[in-house]
Structure formats: structure tokens, C-alpha cells
Protein backbone atom coordinates (compact mmCIF):
# COMPACT_ATOMS: atom_id res chain seq x y z
CA MET A 1 -5.28 -0.38 -6.32
CA ASN A 2 -2.23 -2.37 -7.17
CA LYS A 3 0.99 -0.81 -7.28
CA SER A 4 2.44 -0.55 -10.84
CA PHE A 5 5.31 -2.95 -12.28
CA LEU A 6 7.21 0.38 -12.64
CA GLN A 7 7.02 1.20 -9.01
CA SER A 8 9.06 -2.37 -8.17
CA ALA A 9 12.39 -3.06 -6.91
CA GLU A 10 12.75 -5.21 -9.67
CA TRP A 11 12.35 -2.45 -12.14
CA GLY A 12 14.56 -0.28 -10.38
CA GLU A 13 17.33 -3.06 -10.61
CA PHE A 14 16.66 -3.09 -14.49
CA GLN A 15 16.84 0.71 -14.65
CA LYS A 16 20.51 0.55 -12.53
CA SER A 17 21.49 -1.76 -15.63
CA PHE A 18 21.30 1.41 -17.57
CA GLY A 19 23.75 3.14 -15.06
CA ARG A 20 20.48 5.26 -13.52
CA PRO A 21 20.61 6.20 -9.88
CA VAL A 22 17.63 5.01 -8.21
CA TRP A 23 16.40 5.52 -4.78
CA LEU A 24 13.49 3.46 -2.88
CA LEU A 25 11.38 5.59 -0.79
CA ASP A 26 10.04 3.05 1.42
CA SER A 27 7.10 3.93 4.18
CA LYS A 28 3.23 4.84 4.17
CA ILE A 29 4.07 6.66 1.13
CA ASP A 30 6.40 4.50 -1.18
CA ALA A 31 8.09 6.00 -4.56
CA LEU A 32 10.63 4.11 -7.01
CA VAL A 33 13.04 7.47 -7.84
CA ILE A 34 14.69 7.24 -10.81
CA LYS A 35 17.48 9.81 -12.06
CA HIS A 36 17.53 11.10 -15.62
CA LYS A 37 20.28 12.57 -17.66
CA LEU A 38 19.35 15.94 -19.25
CA PRO A 39 21.76 18.04 -21.26
CA PHE A 40 24.48 20.24 -20.13
CA GLY A 41 25.10 18.19 -17.14
CA LYS A 42 21.48 18.66 -15.62
CA ASN A 43 19.18 15.92 -14.60
CA TYR A 44 15.61 15.37 -13.10
CA LEU A 45 14.11 13.00 -11.11
CA TYR A 46 11.17 10.54 -12.18
CA ILE A 47 8.60 8.46 -10.29
CA PRO A 48 6.65 6.42 -12.84
CA TYR A 49 3.24 5.70 -12.06
CA GLY A 50 3.48 6.74 -8.58
CA PRO A 51 3.80 7.39 -5.49
CA THR A 52 1.53 4.85 -4.00
CA ILE A 53 -0.09 5.59 -0.50
CA SER A 54 -0.95 2.95 1.64
CA PHE A 55 -3.92 4.76 3.36
CA GLU A 56 -4.55 1.90 5.62
CA ASP A 57 -1.37 2.24 7.03
CA ILE A 58 -1.92 5.67 7.94
CA ARG A 59 -4.19 6.23 11.35
CA GLY A 60 -3.67 9.78 11.33
CA GLY A 61 -1.64 13.08 10.39
CA LEU A 62 -1.92 12.34 6.87
CA ARG A 63 -0.95 15.90 6.03
CA ASP A 64 2.34 15.35 7.85
CA GLU A 65 3.16 12.13 5.99
CA VAL A 66 2.38 13.95 2.40
CA ASN A 67 4.77 16.71 3.72
CA SER A 68 7.51 14.92 4.58
CA PHE A 69 7.18 12.93 1.60
CA ILE A 70 7.64 15.93 -0.25
CA GLN A 71 10.57 17.25 1.68
CA GLN A 72 12.43 13.76 1.08
CA LEU A 73 12.35 14.52 -2.69
CA ARG A 74 13.15 17.94 -2.19
CA GLU A 75 16.28 16.83 -0.11
CA LEU A 76 16.77 14.26 -2.38
CA ALA A 77 16.76 16.61 -5.67
CA LYS A 78 19.00 19.26 -4.14
CA LYS A 79 21.22 16.65 -3.24
CA GLU A 80 21.52 15.55 -6.75
CA LYS A 81 21.25 18.98 -8.18
CA SER A 82 17.94 17.93 -9.82
CA ILE A 83 16.04 20.75 -11.60
CA PHE A 84 12.77 19.22 -10.98
CA VAL A 85 10.79 16.61 -9.92
CA LYS A 86 8.19 14.61 -12.03
CA LEU A 87 5.69 12.39 -10.46
CA GLU A 88 3.04 10.36 -12.58
CA PRO A 89 0.68 8.94 -9.85
CA GLN A 90 -2.06 6.21 -10.91
CA SER A 91 -4.46 7.92 -8.56
CA ASP A 92 -6.94 10.82 -8.49
CA VAL A 93 -6.86 10.81 -4.82
CA VAL A 94 -3.07 10.54 -4.75
CA MET A 95 -2.47 13.53 -6.74
CA GLU A 96 -4.96 15.65 -4.97
CA LEU A 97 -2.76 15.22 -2.05
CA LEU A 98 0.35 16.35 -3.61
CA TYR A 99 -1.03 18.65 -6.15
CA ARG A 100 -0.90 22.60 -4.82
CA ARG A 101 2.29 21.76 -2.72
CA GLY A 102 4.78 22.64 -5.58
CA PHE A 103 3.73 20.30 -7.88
CA LYS A 104 2.22 21.85 -11.31
CA ARG A 105 0.96 20.54 -14.35
CA SER A 106 3.31 19.19 -16.92
CA ASN A 107 2.37 19.05 -20.81
CA LYS A 108 5.24 16.14 -21.01
CA ASN A 109 4.09 12.63 -20.58
CA ILE A 110 6.65 9.90 -20.12
CA GLN A 111 4.27 7.22 -19.47
CA PRO A 112 0.78 6.82 -21.14
CA SER A 113 -1.95 8.96 -19.69
CA LYS A 114 -4.93 6.78 -20.65
CA THR A 115 -5.05 2.60 -21.76
CA VAL A 116 -7.31 -0.18 -22.27
CA VAL A 117 -7.44 -3.02 -19.85
CA ILE A 118 -9.53 -6.30 -20.86
CA ASP A 119 -10.86 -8.20 -17.97
CA LEU A 120 -9.83 -11.87 -18.33
CA LYS A 121 -11.87 -13.09 -15.77
CA LYS A 122 -14.80 -13.19 -18.40
CA PRO A 123 -15.76 -16.00 -19.82
CA GLU A 124 -14.46 -16.32 -23.65
CA VAL A 125 -18.10 -15.41 -25.10
CA GLU A 126 -18.29 -12.81 -22.91
CA LEU A 127 -15.01 -11.34 -23.91
CA SER A 128 -16.02 -11.62 -27.36
CA ALA A 129 -19.69 -10.33 -27.34
CA GLY A 130 -18.16 -6.94 -25.79
CA MET A 131 -15.92 -6.44 -28.62
CA HIS A 132 -16.22 -4.13 -31.56
CA HIS A 133 -17.82 -6.47 -34.36
CA LYS A 134 -15.48 -5.24 -36.79
CA THR A 135 -12.35 -6.98 -34.40
CA ARG A 136 -14.61 -10.04 -33.47
CA TYR A 137 -15.04 -10.37 -37.81
CA ASN A 138 -11.14 -10.04 -37.92
CA ILE A 139 -10.25 -12.37 -35.28
CA ASN A 140 -12.72 -15.09 -36.64
CA LEU A 141 -10.86 -14.29 -40.54
CA ALA A 142 -7.31 -14.50 -39.15
CA LEU A 143 -8.13 -17.43 -37.14
CA LYS A 144 -8.86 -19.54 -40.51
CA LYS A 145 -5.80 -18.44 -42.27
CA ASN A 146 -2.68 -20.40 -42.22
CA MET A 147 -0.79 -18.49 -39.47
CA GLU A 148 0.84 -20.17 -36.47
CA PHE A 149 1.41 -18.49 -32.77
CA GLY A 150 4.53 -19.12 -30.42
CA GLU A 151 6.75 -18.13 -28.14
CA SER A 152 10.05 -17.13 -28.94
CA HIS A 153 12.74 -19.59 -28.85
CA VAL A 154 15.62 -19.96 -25.98
CA LYS A 155 19.26 -21.03 -26.52
CA SER A 156 20.31 -23.99 -27.62
CA SER A 157 22.08 -23.99 -23.93
CA GLY A 158 18.55 -24.71 -22.42
CA ASP A 159 18.53 -21.29 -20.49
CA ASP A 160 15.85 -19.01 -20.18
CA HIS A 161 17.41 -16.71 -21.98
CA VAL A 162 15.72 -15.35 -25.67
CA ALA A 163 17.88 -16.31 -28.69
CA ASN A 164 19.79 -13.13 -30.37
CA ASP A 165 18.15 -14.06 -33.68
CA ASP A 166 14.88 -13.68 -32.23
CA VAL A 167 15.41 -10.49 -30.49
CA GLU A 168 16.65 -9.05 -34.53
CA LEU A 169 13.71 -10.37 -35.85
CA PHE A 170 11.37 -8.51 -33.64
CA TRP A 171 13.82 -5.45 -34.26
CA LYS A 172 13.38 -5.52 -37.87
CA LEU A 173 9.82 -5.42 -37.14
CA LEU A 174 9.47 -2.60 -34.93
CA LYS A 175 11.69 -0.53 -37.31
CA GLN A 176 9.22 -0.88 -39.86
CA THR A 177 6.15 -0.24 -37.90
CA SER A 178 7.87 2.65 -36.03
CA LYS A 179 8.35 4.12 -39.87
CA GLU A 180 4.87 3.59 -40.67
CA ASP A 181 3.09 4.75 -37.71
CA LYS A 182 5.50 7.72 -36.65
CA PHE A 183 6.66 6.77 -32.92
CA TYR A 184 10.37 6.73 -31.93
CA THR A 185 11.73 3.31 -30.42
CA HIS A 186 14.33 2.30 -27.86
CA GLU A 187 17.81 1.41 -28.87
CA LYS A 188 17.81 -2.41 -30.02
CA GLU A 189 19.80 -3.35 -26.99
CA TYR A 190 17.21 -2.07 -24.77
CA TYR A 191 14.54 -4.58 -25.60
CA LYS A 192 17.00 -7.26 -25.71
CA LYS A 193 18.15 -6.49 -21.93
CA LEU A 194 14.28 -6.19 -21.20
CA LEU A 195 13.65 -9.89 -22.82
CA ASN A 196 16.51 -11.33 -20.83
CA PHE A 197 17.19 -8.90 -17.44
CA PHE A 198 14.13 -10.88 -15.81
CA ASP A 199 15.04 -14.65 -15.83
CA SER A 200 12.34 -16.50 -14.01
CA LYS A 201 14.80 -19.00 -12.64
CA LEU A 202 15.66 -16.42 -10.47
CA GLY A 203 12.09 -16.31 -8.77
CA LYS A 204 11.33 -12.56 -9.96
CA SER A 205 8.60 -10.98 -9.62
CA ILE A 206 8.65 -9.66 -13.10
CA LYS A 207 8.41 -11.64 -16.37
CA THR A 208 8.95 -10.60 -19.88
CA LYS A 209 7.82 -12.88 -23.10
CA LEU A 210 8.55 -12.82 -26.68
CA VAL A 211 6.10 -13.95 -28.83
CA PHE A 212 5.22 -14.05 -32.72
CA VAL A 213 2.78 -14.93 -35.24
CA TYR A 214 4.29 -17.37 -38.43
CA TYR A 215 2.91 -17.44 -41.79
CA GLU A 216 4.84 -19.96 -44.01
CA GLY A 217 7.65 -19.72 -41.37
CA LYS A 218 8.32 -16.31 -41.40
CA PRO A 219 7.71 -14.04 -38.29
CA ILE A 220 4.99 -11.17 -39.51
CA ALA A 221 3.82 -10.46 -36.02
CA SER A 222 5.41 -9.95 -32.88
CA ALA A 223 4.98 -8.44 -29.33
CA ILE A 224 7.20 -7.97 -26.12
CA LEU A 225 4.78 -9.36 -23.42
CA LEU A 226 5.47 -8.16 -19.43
CA ILE A 227 3.93 -10.08 -16.52
CA TYR A 228 3.55 -8.85 -12.81
CA ASP A 229 0.91 -9.65 -10.33
CA ASN A 230 -2.13 -10.40 -11.75
CA THR A 231 -1.79 -8.86 -14.91
CA VAL A 232 -0.27 -8.98 -18.73
CA TYR A 233 1.09 -6.15 -20.29
CA TYR A 234 1.48 -5.49 -23.85
CA LEU A 235 4.41 -3.46 -23.94
CA HIS A 236 5.66 -3.59 -27.46
CA GLY A 237 4.53 -4.62 -30.93
CA ALA A 238 5.14 -4.86 -34.64
CA MET A 239 4.15 -6.44 -37.76
CA ASP A 240 5.27 -6.68 -41.24
CA ARG A 241 2.60 -4.39 -43.10
CA GLU A 242 2.99 -6.71 -46.70
CA HIS A 243 1.07 -9.02 -44.86
CA LYS A 244 -1.85 -6.78 -43.64
CA GLN A 245 -4.59 -8.43 -45.18
CA LEU A 246 -3.62 -11.52 -43.16
CA MET A 247 -4.78 -9.78 -40.09
CA ALA A 248 -1.89 -11.23 -37.89
CA PRO A 249 -2.58 -8.96 -34.95
CA TYR A 250 -5.75 -9.99 -34.33
CA LYS A 251 -4.50 -13.40 -34.22
CA MET A 252 -1.63 -12.71 -32.13
CA HIS A 253 -3.97 -10.67 -29.46
CA TRP A 254 -6.35 -13.45 -29.27
CA GLU A 255 -3.74 -15.90 -28.86
CA ILE A 256 -2.19 -13.51 -25.83
CA ILE A 257 -5.60 -13.46 -24.41
CA MET A 258 -6.11 -17.17 -24.73
CA TRP A 259 -2.93 -17.92 -23.14
CA ALA A 260 -3.05 -15.62 -20.01
CA LYS A 261 -6.49 -16.44 -19.26
CA SER A 262 -5.25 -20.28 -18.95
CA LYS A 263 -2.86 -19.09 -17.04
CA GLY A 264 -5.00 -17.33 -14.52
CA TYR A 265 -4.30 -13.78 -15.09
CA GLU A 266 -7.01 -11.63 -14.54
CA PHE A 267 -6.08 -8.49 -16.80
CA TYR A 268 -4.41 -7.96 -19.83
CA ASP A 269 -3.37 -4.36 -20.28
CA LEU A 270 -3.01 -2.82 -23.66
CA TRP A 271 -0.73 -0.20 -22.60
CA GLY A 272 -1.44 3.18 -24.07
CA VAL A 273 -4.02 4.88 -26.31
CA ASP A 274 -4.05 8.13 -27.95
CA ALA A 275 -6.57 9.26 -30.25
CA ASN A 276 -4.57 11.96 -31.26
CA LYS A 277 -0.74 10.90 -31.40
CA TRP A 278 -1.68 7.13 -32.79
CA PRO A 279 -5.10 7.63 -33.96
CA GLY A 280 -5.27 3.63 -35.80
CA VAL A 281 -3.46 1.69 -32.97
CA THR A 282 -5.83 3.50 -30.63
CA ARG A 283 -9.09 2.56 -32.65
CA PHE A 284 -7.28 -1.25 -32.98
CA LYS A 285 -7.29 -1.14 -29.06
CA PHE A 286 -10.51 0.00 -28.15
CA GLY A 287 -11.85 -2.64 -30.84
CA TRP A 288 -11.44 -4.93 -27.78
CA GLY A 289 -14.04 -4.19 -25.59
CA GLY A 290 -11.95 -3.47 -22.65
CA ARG A 291 -12.06 -0.61 -19.77
CA THR A 292 -10.41 2.78 -20.68
CA ILE A 293 -8.39 4.06 -17.62
CA GLU A 294 -7.44 7.55 -17.86
CA TYR A 295 -4.44 8.42 -15.36
CA PRO A 296 -3.97 12.44 -13.61
CA GLY A 297 -1.24 12.78 -15.95
CA SER A 298 2.27 14.21 -15.50
CA PHE A 299 3.02 16.43 -12.73
CA ASP A 300 6.55 18.49 -11.77
CA MET A 301 7.97 19.88 -8.79
CA PRO A 302 10.69 22.63 -9.96
CA VAL A 303 13.84 22.79 -7.81
CA SER A 304 16.02 25.26 -9.93
CA SER A 305 13.36 28.04 -11.15
CA PHE A 306 16.05 29.37 -13.51
CA TRP A 307 16.91 25.68 -15.46
CA TYR A 308 13.47 24.37 -15.09
CA LEU A 309 12.03 27.59 -17.19
CA ALA A 310 14.77 26.63 -19.44
CA TYR A 311 14.31 23.20 -20.06
CA ARG A 312 10.40 23.82 -20.70
CA LEU A 313 11.28 26.43 -23.52
CA VAL A 314 13.57 24.02 -25.15
CA SER A 315 10.60 21.23 -24.78
CA LYS A 316 8.66 23.47 -26.41
CA ILE A 317 10.72 24.13 -28.86
CA ARG A 318 11.04 20.60 -29.61
């Protein structure tokens, strides 16, 4: 299984840019650990979509390796005065090795516990055939409309940075979408930094793109894509509901898929489905016929029992 971009050193550098301390535990069990603040001066340590275990490098003593890793986490948490450690592994095998060694299941996920991944290695005809018939119909309908698909403009200076005006356009669409679909957003500066931090001229393995669908010169749908290894991730999306009848998201995702295939990427991760939280978005993503992947979920290791209990009580109230 490929390591998630959330476990990469570059993602760690991105987190540092927000003032969050980061540690890379690099051995036979690898983990990017990020320190997050909590109220009352408290904090917790977080391992997003990790850790990862290099089983082929462990010739013997797997239990010792796991115990040593957990001890490292405990010592780091005590040093940083963290009240708990949270991890969200992508592998059931990894979770089975860690479960009952101090970790307990948490009801609070940070990353999506389920996603849909489209296999871009399939021929176009096969991809289309695997879709829900309504998705296929809406794509064909959207492609007949007078809409244009394009990547964000760059500054006139010719560097790789996304123009502030385009970030502003995305932000306006996102605020409208979040209000309609009832989800929280990051601050605007987060998206600006996400789009500009991973400069392709520096040869970084993570890249980001901002794409739009335009109608009569006006952006009516947009997405932030992240590219890592052989996968394109659909991290954030937005649309103008006043032009809902044009089916712009169908055109946008079809164009993204065609672009990703042309560049040789192997997978398109639609990044998160949940029928209870986001029923409409989830139906839309399922319609593309990708493979549903479910991760083990979120697990916590309390370090301070008193403060961890207080944290859980406050979380339930919220």
C-alpha cells in the first residue's frame, strides 16, 4: 500500500508553516506526528493516515518493533504535555497490531474514513460503462453546454503561484457551497497557502492545482486538486447553485479524469464519502463507479486520563 501524502515529509513542512510542531518517526514503523492545540493550553499529537509499517524490512520481532514505536509516542506525548495521541491508519493490519496496546476507538474522525477511488488505468469506454446511468447521462448533457474547463491563471510575473484573484473566486464559490451543504471550511488563507506552498519548480513530490469551469466567462464550479505519487486527489470543491441546471461538476470531474489519464496518473481519489453527513455529495461520488475504500477509523491513546475524559465530554456536548 502506498503511503498517504499526509504522511510525507513535505506535508510535514506544510504543517510547520502554520506553526505546528512536527516529528518524523522514521524506522521500520514510520509516522508523521503533528502537534495540535486544544483549549486551556492543552494539546494532542496526531498521525494522519498512519503509521505505515515496512513489513518486508522486519525479519523478526514485530511485537518488539510495535512496542518500541508506542513507547516512542508515549515519551514524546509526555515531553510535549499532550493529553492523548490520535492516529488514523489506512491498514487494518496496522490497526490490529496497535489496538489493545493503549489505543481505543474514537468517535471523532479527522480524515475521511471512507472514500471512492477511480481506476484511471481503465480505458475511457470501461470507465464510462462502470458509472451510474444518471452520471453518464449528466456528463453527456454537461459536455453539450457552452462551458469551458481550465486551470487557474498564474501571476503575470510568470512564477508558479496561483493568482490571488483566482483564490478569491474559489473562496466565494466555496462559501456558497458550504452554506448550502452545511460543512465547515478552513480560513481563506489556508487555501491560498495550500495552492502556493508546493512549488513545482522546487521539484517537490506534492503538487496542487486549482481548476475552474466557466460559463459565459464566469466561474461556476471549481476544485483544488492535490497530486502525489500516482494519484490525483479531489480535496476541495465548490459550485454556483444558480447554474445548477448546467451540470458543471459533471463536466469538471470528467475533464479532470481525462487530464489525469493523459498525464499517466493511475488513480483519482474523490476524498471522502459519508451518507449521513453529506448524502447528496456521497450519491454524486458513488455515481462515478469507483471502488469504495473504508479505513479502520480513528483511535486514541490517552496520556492524561483526567484531561482526556474532559476532552471527550466537551466533544460530546459540541
